[in-house]
Structures are given as C-alpha cells and as structure tokens.
Amino acid sequence: SLRLSCADSGRTGSVYTMGWFRQAPG
C-alpha cells in the first residue's frame, strides 16, 4: 500500500474538483 497526498499550498479554498491521473512509460 501507499498513500499519496495532494495539497493546495496556495490555500485558495477555491478548488472544487480534484483528480488523480497516471502515466506509465510509453
């Protein structure tokens, strides 16, 4: 297992949708 984190360091509070995408080589 792993846990990824994604923080809005700008702390704008204006984000309402977030997603994760991934890209493997090639």
PDB file of all heavy atoms in Angstrom:
ATOM      1  N   SER A   1       0.828  -1.211   0.000  1.00  0.00           N
ATOM      2  CA  SER A   1       0.000   0.000   0.000  1.00  0.00           C
ATOM      3  C   SER A   1       0.858   1.254   0.000  1.00  0.00           C
ATOM      4  O   SER A   1       1.991   1.241   0.492  1.00  0.00           O
ATOM      5  CB  SER A   1      -0.905   0.027   1.241  1.00  0.00           C
ATOM      6  OG  SER A   1      -1.776  -1.078   1.259  1.00  0.00           O
ATOM      7  N   LEU A   2       0.298   2.304  -0.542  1.00  0.00           N
ATOM      8  CA  LEU A   2       0.890   3.633  -0.482  1.00  0.00           C
ATOM      9  C   LEU A   2      -0.240   4.643  -0.356  1.00  0.00           C
ATOM     10  O   LEU A   2      -1.366   4.379  -0.804  1.00  0.00           O
ATOM     11  CB  LEU A   2       1.694   3.956  -1.758  1.00  0.00           C
ATOM     12  CG  LEU A   2       3.073   3.344  -1.940  1.00  0.00           C
ATOM     13  CD1 LEU A   2       3.599   3.680  -3.331  1.00  0.00           C
ATOM     14  CD2 LEU A   2       4.038   3.835  -0.866  1.00  0.00           C
ATOM     15  N   ARG A   3       0.063   5.785   0.236  1.00  0.00           N
ATOM     16  CA  ARG A   3      -0.904   6.870   0.285  1.00  0.00           C
ATOM     17  C   ARG A   3      -0.265   8.113  -0.310  1.00  0.00           C
ATOM     18  O   ARG A   3       0.765   8.587   0.168  1.00  0.00           O
ATOM     19  CB  ARG A   3      -1.368   7.159   1.712  1.00  0.00           C
ATOM     20  CG  ARG A   3      -2.541   8.145   1.723  1.00  0.00           C
ATOM     21  CD  ARG A   3      -3.081   8.391   3.113  1.00  0.00           C
ATOM     22  NE  ARG A   3      -2.281   9.364   3.854  1.00  0.00           N
ATOM     23  CZ  ARG A   3      -2.750  10.082   4.867  1.00  0.00           C
ATOM     24  NH1 ARG A   3      -4.011   9.955   5.239  1.00  0.00           N
ATOM     25  NH2 ARG A   3      -1.947  10.915   5.505  1.00  0.00           N
ATOM     26  N   LEU A   4      -0.900   8.626  -1.347  1.00  0.00           N
ATOM     27  CA  LEU A   4      -0.457   9.865  -1.965  1.00  0.00           C
ATOM     28  C   LEU A   4      -1.244  11.038  -1.395  1.00  0.00           C
ATOM     29  O   LEU A   4      -2.423  10.897  -1.070  1.00  0.00           O
ATOM     30  CB  LEU A   4      -0.656   9.813  -3.480  1.00  0.00           C
ATOM     31  CG  LEU A   4      -0.035   8.633  -4.233  1.00  0.00           C
ATOM     32  CD1 LEU A   4      -0.283   8.789  -5.723  1.00  0.00           C
ATOM     33  CD2 LEU A   4       1.431   8.495  -3.927  1.00  0.00           C
ATOM     34  N   SER A   5      -0.578  12.174  -1.307  1.00  0.00           N
ATOM     35  CA  SER A   5      -1.232  13.393  -0.851  1.00  0.00           C
ATOM     36  C   SER A   5      -1.077  14.475  -1.897  1.00  0.00           C
ATOM     37  O   SER A   5      -0.074  14.522  -2.604  1.00  0.00           O
ATOM     38  CB  SER A   5      -0.616  13.880   0.459  1.00  0.00           C
ATOM     39  OG  SER A   5      -0.744  12.910   1.469  1.00  0.00           O
ATOM     40  N   CYS A   6      -2.065  15.321  -1.986  1.00  0.00           N
ATOM     41  CA  CYS A   6      -2.010  16.463  -2.893  1.00  0.00           C
ATOM     42  C   CYS A   6      -2.584  17.658  -2.151  1.00  0.00           C
ATOM     43  O   CYS A   6      -3.775  17.685  -1.828  1.00  0.00           O
ATOM     44  CB  CYS A   6      -2.800  16.189  -4.160  1.00  0.00           C
ATOM     45  SG  CYS A   6      -2.865  17.593  -5.290  1.00  0.00           S
ATOM     46  N   ALA A   7      -1.739  18.621  -1.887  1.00  0.00           N
ATOM     47  CA  ALA A   7      -2.153  19.792  -1.137  1.00  0.00           C
ATOM     48  C   ALA A   7      -2.192  21.019  -2.032  1.00  0.00           C
ATOM     49  O   ALA A   7      -1.300  21.213  -2.863  1.00  0.00           O
ATOM     50  CB  ALA A   7      -1.189  20.025   0.023  1.00  0.00           C
ATOM     51  N   ASP A   8      -3.207  21.813  -1.841  1.00  0.00           N
ATOM     52  CA  ASP A   8      -3.274  23.116  -2.492  1.00  0.00           C
ATOM     53  C   ASP A   8      -2.503  24.080  -1.598  1.00  0.00           C
ATOM     54  O   ASP A   8      -3.075  24.665  -0.670  1.00  0.00           O
ATOM     55  CB  ASP A   8      -4.721  23.564  -2.675  1.00  0.00           C
ATOM     56  CG  ASP A   8      -4.836  24.990  -3.208  1.00  0.00           C
ATOM     57  OD1 ASP A   8      -3.805  25.548  -3.647  1.00  0.00           O
ATOM     58  OD2 ASP A   8      -5.953  25.538  -3.184  1.00  0.00           O
ATOM     59  N   SER A   9      -1.221  24.215  -1.867  1.00  0.00           N
ATOM     60  CA  SER A   9      -0.382  25.017  -0.984  1.00  0.00           C
ATOM     61  C   SER A   9      -0.744  26.495  -1.059  1.00  0.00           C
ATOM     62  O   SER A   9      -0.389  27.265  -0.166  1.00  0.00           O
ATOM     63  CB  SER A   9       1.099  24.823  -1.332  1.00  0.00           C
ATOM     64  OG  SER A   9       1.356  25.299  -2.640  1.00  0.00           O
ATOM     65  N   GLY A  10      -1.458  26.881  -2.102  1.00  0.00           N
ATOM     66  CA  GLY A  10      -1.888  28.270  -2.178  1.00  0.00           C
ATOM     67  C   GLY A  10      -3.036  28.563  -1.227  1.00  0.00           C
ATOM     68  O   GLY A  10      -3.365  29.717  -0.970  1.00  0.00           O
ATOM     69  N   ARG A  11      -3.667  27.444  -0.714  1.00  0.00           N
ATOM     70  CA  ARG A  11      -4.747  27.562   0.264  1.00  0.00           C
ATOM     71  C   ARG A  11      -5.801  28.568  -0.184  1.00  0.00           C
ATOM     72  O   ARG A  11      -6.282  29.373   0.593  1.00  0.00           O
ATOM     73  CB  ARG A  11      -4.212  27.926   1.642  1.00  0.00           C
ATOM     74  CG  ARG A  11      -3.187  26.945   2.174  1.00  0.00           C
ATOM     75  CD  ARG A  11      -2.824  27.241   3.618  1.00  0.00           C
ATOM     76  NE  ARG A  11      -3.917  26.971   4.517  1.00  0.00           N
ATOM     77  CZ  ARG A  11      -4.218  25.789   5.004  1.00  0.00           C
ATOM     78  NH1 ARG A  11      -3.517  24.723   4.654  1.00  0.00           N
ATOM     79  NH2 ARG A  11      -5.232  25.645   5.845  1.00  0.00           N
ATOM     80  N   THR A  12      -6.133  28.477  -1.462  1.00  0.00           N
ATOM     81  CA  THR A  12      -7.099  29.428  -2.000  1.00  0.00           C
ATOM     82  C   THR A  12      -8.527  29.089  -1.569  1.00  0.00           C
ATOM     83  O   THR A  12      -9.380  29.965  -1.554  1.00  0.00           O
ATOM     84  CB  THR A  12      -7.042  29.435  -3.537  1.00  0.00           C
ATOM     85  OG1 THR A  12      -7.405  28.135  -4.022  1.00  0.00           O
ATOM     86  CG2 THR A  12      -5.633  29.772  -4.019  1.00  0.00           C
ATOM     87  N   GLY A  13      -8.770  27.806  -1.277  1.00  0.00           N
ATOM     88  CA  GLY A  13     -10.132  27.405  -0.939  1.00  0.00           C
ATOM     89  C   GLY A  13     -11.075  27.521  -2.111  1.00  0.00           C
ATOM     90  O   GLY A  13     -12.295  27.496  -1.934  1.00  0.00           O
ATOM     91  N   SER A  14     -10.551  27.643  -3.313  1.00  0.00           N
ATOM     92  CA  SER A  14     -11.394  27.873  -4.476  1.00  0.00           C
ATOM     93  C   SER A  14     -11.496  26.647  -5.377  1.00  0.00           C
ATOM     94  O   SER A  14     -12.092  26.725  -6.445  1.00  0.00           O
ATOM     95  CB  SER A  14     -10.852  29.052  -5.287  1.00  0.00           C
ATOM     96  OG  SER A  14      -9.546  28.771  -5.751  1.00  0.00           O
ATOM     97  N   VAL A  15     -10.905  25.548  -4.954  1.00  0.00           N
ATOM     98  CA  VAL A  15     -10.923  24.324  -5.755  1.00  0.00           C
ATOM     99  C   VAL A  15     -12.098  23.468  -5.335  1.00  0.00           C
ATOM    100  O   VAL A  15     -12.336  23.259  -4.141  1.00  0.00           O
ATOM    101  CB  VAL A  15      -9.602  23.552  -5.568  1.00  0.00           C
ATOM    102  CG1 VAL A  15      -9.700  22.165  -6.168  1.00  0.00           C
ATOM    103  CG2 VAL A  15      -8.454  24.321  -6.204  1.00  0.00           C
ATOM    104  N   TYR A  16     -12.838  22.939  -6.312  1.00  0.00           N
ATOM    105  CA  TYR A  16     -13.992  22.104  -6.010  1.00  0.00           C
ATOM    106  C   TYR A  16     -13.960  20.753  -6.702  1.00  0.00           C
ATOM    107  O   TYR A  16     -14.864  19.945  -6.520  1.00  0.00           O
ATOM    108  CB  TYR A  16     -15.283  22.839  -6.383  1.00  0.00           C
ATOM    109  CG  TYR A  16     -15.528  24.048  -5.530  1.00  0.00           C
ATOM    110  CD1 TYR A  16     -15.194  25.326  -5.971  1.00  0.00           C
ATOM    111  CD2 TYR A  16     -16.077  23.918  -4.258  1.00  0.00           C
ATOM    112  CE1 TYR A  16     -15.402  26.434  -5.173  1.00  0.00           C
ATOM    113  CE2 TYR A  16     -16.289  25.023  -3.455  1.00  0.00           C
ATOM    114  CZ  TYR A  16     -15.949  26.275  -3.918  1.00  0.00           C
ATOM    115  OH  TYR A  16     -16.159  27.370  -3.136  1.00  0.00           O
ATOM    116  N   THR A  17     -12.968  20.538  -7.504  1.00  0.00           N
ATOM    117  CA  THR A  17     -12.801  19.247  -8.160  1.00  0.00           C
ATOM    118  C   THR A  17     -11.320  18.905  -8.168  1.00  0.00           C
ATOM    119  O   THR A  17     -10.493  19.749  -8.513  1.00  0.00           O
ATOM    120  CB  THR A  17     -13.301  19.274  -9.618  1.00  0.00           C
ATOM    121  OG1 THR A  17     -14.687  19.617  -9.632  1.00  0.00           O
ATOM    122  CG2 THR A  17     -13.118  17.923 -10.283  1.00  0.00           C
ATOM    123  N   MET A  18     -10.994  17.700  -7.765  1.00  0.00           N
ATOM    124  CA  MET A  18      -9.615  17.232  -7.830  1.00  0.00           C
ATOM    125  C   MET A  18      -9.600  15.818  -8.364  1.00  0.00           C
ATOM    126  O   MET A  18     -10.555  15.056  -8.178  1.00  0.00           O
ATOM    127  CB  MET A  18      -8.940  17.299  -6.456  1.00  0.00           C
ATOM    128  CG  MET A  18      -8.788  18.723  -5.951  1.00  0.00           C
ATOM    129  SD  MET A  18      -7.832  18.871  -4.438  1.00  0.00           S
ATOM    130  CE  MET A  18      -6.153  18.709  -5.069  1.00  0.00           C
ATOM    131  N   GLY A  19      -8.519  15.505  -9.028  1.00  0.00           N
ATOM    132  CA  GLY A  19      -8.412  14.180  -9.603  1.00  0.00           C
ATOM    133  C   GLY A  19      -6.981  13.695  -9.604  1.00  0.00           C
ATOM    134  O   GLY A  19      -6.048  14.467  -9.387  1.00  0.00           O
ATOM    135  N   TRP A  20      -6.846  12.403  -9.798  1.00  0.00           N
ATOM    136  CA  TRP A  20      -5.532  11.782  -9.977  1.00  0.00           C
ATOM    137  C   TRP A  20      -5.496  11.105 -11.340  1.00  0.00           C
ATOM    138  O   TRP A  20      -6.447  10.405 -11.720  1.00  0.00           O
ATOM    139  CB  TRP A  20      -5.278  10.748  -8.877  1.00  0.00           C
ATOM    140  CG  TRP A  20      -5.022  11.315  -7.528  1.00  0.00           C
ATOM    141  CD1 TRP A  20      -5.920  11.529  -6.533  1.00  0.00           C
ATOM    142  CD2 TRP A  20      -3.754  11.756  -7.009  1.00  0.00           C
ATOM    143  NE1 TRP A  20      -5.305  12.071  -5.445  1.00  0.00           N
ATOM    144  CE2 TRP A  20      -3.983  12.227  -5.696  1.00  0.00           C
ATOM    145  CE3 TRP A  20      -2.461  11.798  -7.524  1.00  0.00           C
ATOM    146  CZ2 TRP A  20      -2.953  12.725  -4.892  1.00  0.00           C
ATOM    147  CZ3 TRP A  20      -1.448  12.294  -6.725  1.00  0.00           C
ATOM    148  CH2 TRP A  20      -1.702  12.741  -5.434  1.00  0.00           C
ATOM    149  N   PHE A  21      -4.415  11.351 -12.014  1.00  0.00           N
ATOM    150  CA  PHE A  21      -4.150  10.689 -13.287  1.00  0.00           C
ATOM    151  C   PHE A  21      -2.786  10.021 -13.179  1.00  0.00           C
ATOM    152  O   PHE A  21      -1.997  10.360 -12.292  1.00  0.00           O
ATOM    153  CB  PHE A  21      -4.144  11.708 -14.436  1.00  0.00           C
ATOM    154  CG  PHE A  21      -5.502  12.294 -14.736  1.00  0.00           C
ATOM    155  CD1 PHE A  21      -6.072  13.240 -13.894  1.00  0.00           C
ATOM    156  CD2 PHE A  21      -6.219  11.890 -15.849  1.00  0.00           C
ATOM    157  CE1 PHE A  21      -7.334  13.775 -14.148  1.00  0.00           C
ATOM    158  CE2 PHE A  21      -7.469  12.422 -16.129  1.00  0.00           C
ATOM    159  CZ  PHE A  21      -8.020  13.359 -15.273  1.00  0.00           C
ATOM    160  N   ARG A  22      -2.501   9.100 -14.080  1.00  0.00           N
ATOM    161  CA  ARG A  22      -1.190   8.459 -14.050  1.00  0.00           C
ATOM    162  C   ARG A  22      -0.698   8.229 -15.470  1.00  0.00           C
ATOM    163  O   ARG A  22      -1.499   8.104 -16.399  1.00  0.00           O
ATOM    164  CB  ARG A  22      -1.232   7.157 -13.277  1.00  0.00           C
ATOM    165  CG  ARG A  22      -2.088   6.063 -13.903  1.00  0.00           C
ATOM    166  CD  ARG A  22      -2.194   4.860 -12.959  1.00  0.00           C
ATOM    167  NE  ARG A  22      -2.961   3.771 -13.547  1.00  0.00           N
ATOM    168  CZ  ARG A  22      -3.291   2.663 -12.892  1.00  0.00           C
ATOM    169  NH1 ARG A  22      -2.933   2.500 -11.616  1.00  0.00           N
ATOM    170  NH2 ARG A  22      -3.984   1.714 -13.510  1.00  0.00           N
ATOM    171  N   GLN A  23       0.612   8.173 -15.580  1.00  0.00           N
ATOM    172  CA  GLN A  23       1.220   7.953 -16.885  1.00  0.00           C
ATOM    173  C   GLN A  23       2.398   7.007 -16.735  1.00  0.00           C
ATOM    174  O   GLN A  23       3.367   7.316 -16.039  1.00  0.00           O
ATOM    175  CB  GLN A  23       1.669   9.278 -17.514  1.00  0.00           C
ATOM    176  CG  GLN A  23       2.128   9.136 -18.941  1.00  0.00           C
ATOM    177  CD  GLN A  23       2.253  10.473 -19.651  1.00  0.00           C
ATOM    178  OE1 GLN A  23       2.313  11.538 -19.021  1.00  0.00           O
ATOM    179  NE2 GLN A  23       2.269  10.449 -20.981  1.00  0.00           N
ATOM    180  N   ALA A  24       2.274   5.878 -17.382  1.00  0.00           N
ATOM    181  CA  ALA A  24       3.344   4.892 -17.395  1.00  0.00           C
ATOM    182  C   ALA A  24       4.240   5.156 -18.604  1.00  0.00           C
ATOM    183  O   ALA A  24       3.808   5.774 -19.586  1.00  0.00           O
ATOM    184  CB  ALA A  24       2.760   3.485 -17.462  1.00  0.00           C
ATOM    185  N   PRO A  25       5.488   4.692 -18.567  1.00  0.00           N
ATOM    186  CA  PRO A  25       6.409   4.909 -19.691  1.00  0.00           C
ATOM    187  C   PRO A  25       5.824   4.391 -20.995  1.00  0.00           C
ATOM    188  O   PRO A  25       5.341   3.265 -21.071  1.00  0.00           O
ATOM    189  CB  PRO A  25       7.651   4.116 -19.275  1.00  0.00           C
ATOM    190  CG  PRO A  25       7.598   4.088 -17.792  1.00  0.00           C
ATOM    191  CD  PRO A  25       6.139   3.996 -17.448  1.00  0.00           C
ATOM    192  N   GLY A  26       5.849   5.245 -22.009  1.00  0.00           N
ATOM    193  CA  GLY A  26       5.375   4.841 -23.324  1.00  0.00           C
ATOM    194  C   GLY A  26       3.871   4.802 -23.475  1.00  0.00           C
ATOM    195  O   GLY A  26       3.360   4.385 -24.515  1.00  0.00           O
TER     196      GLY A  26
END
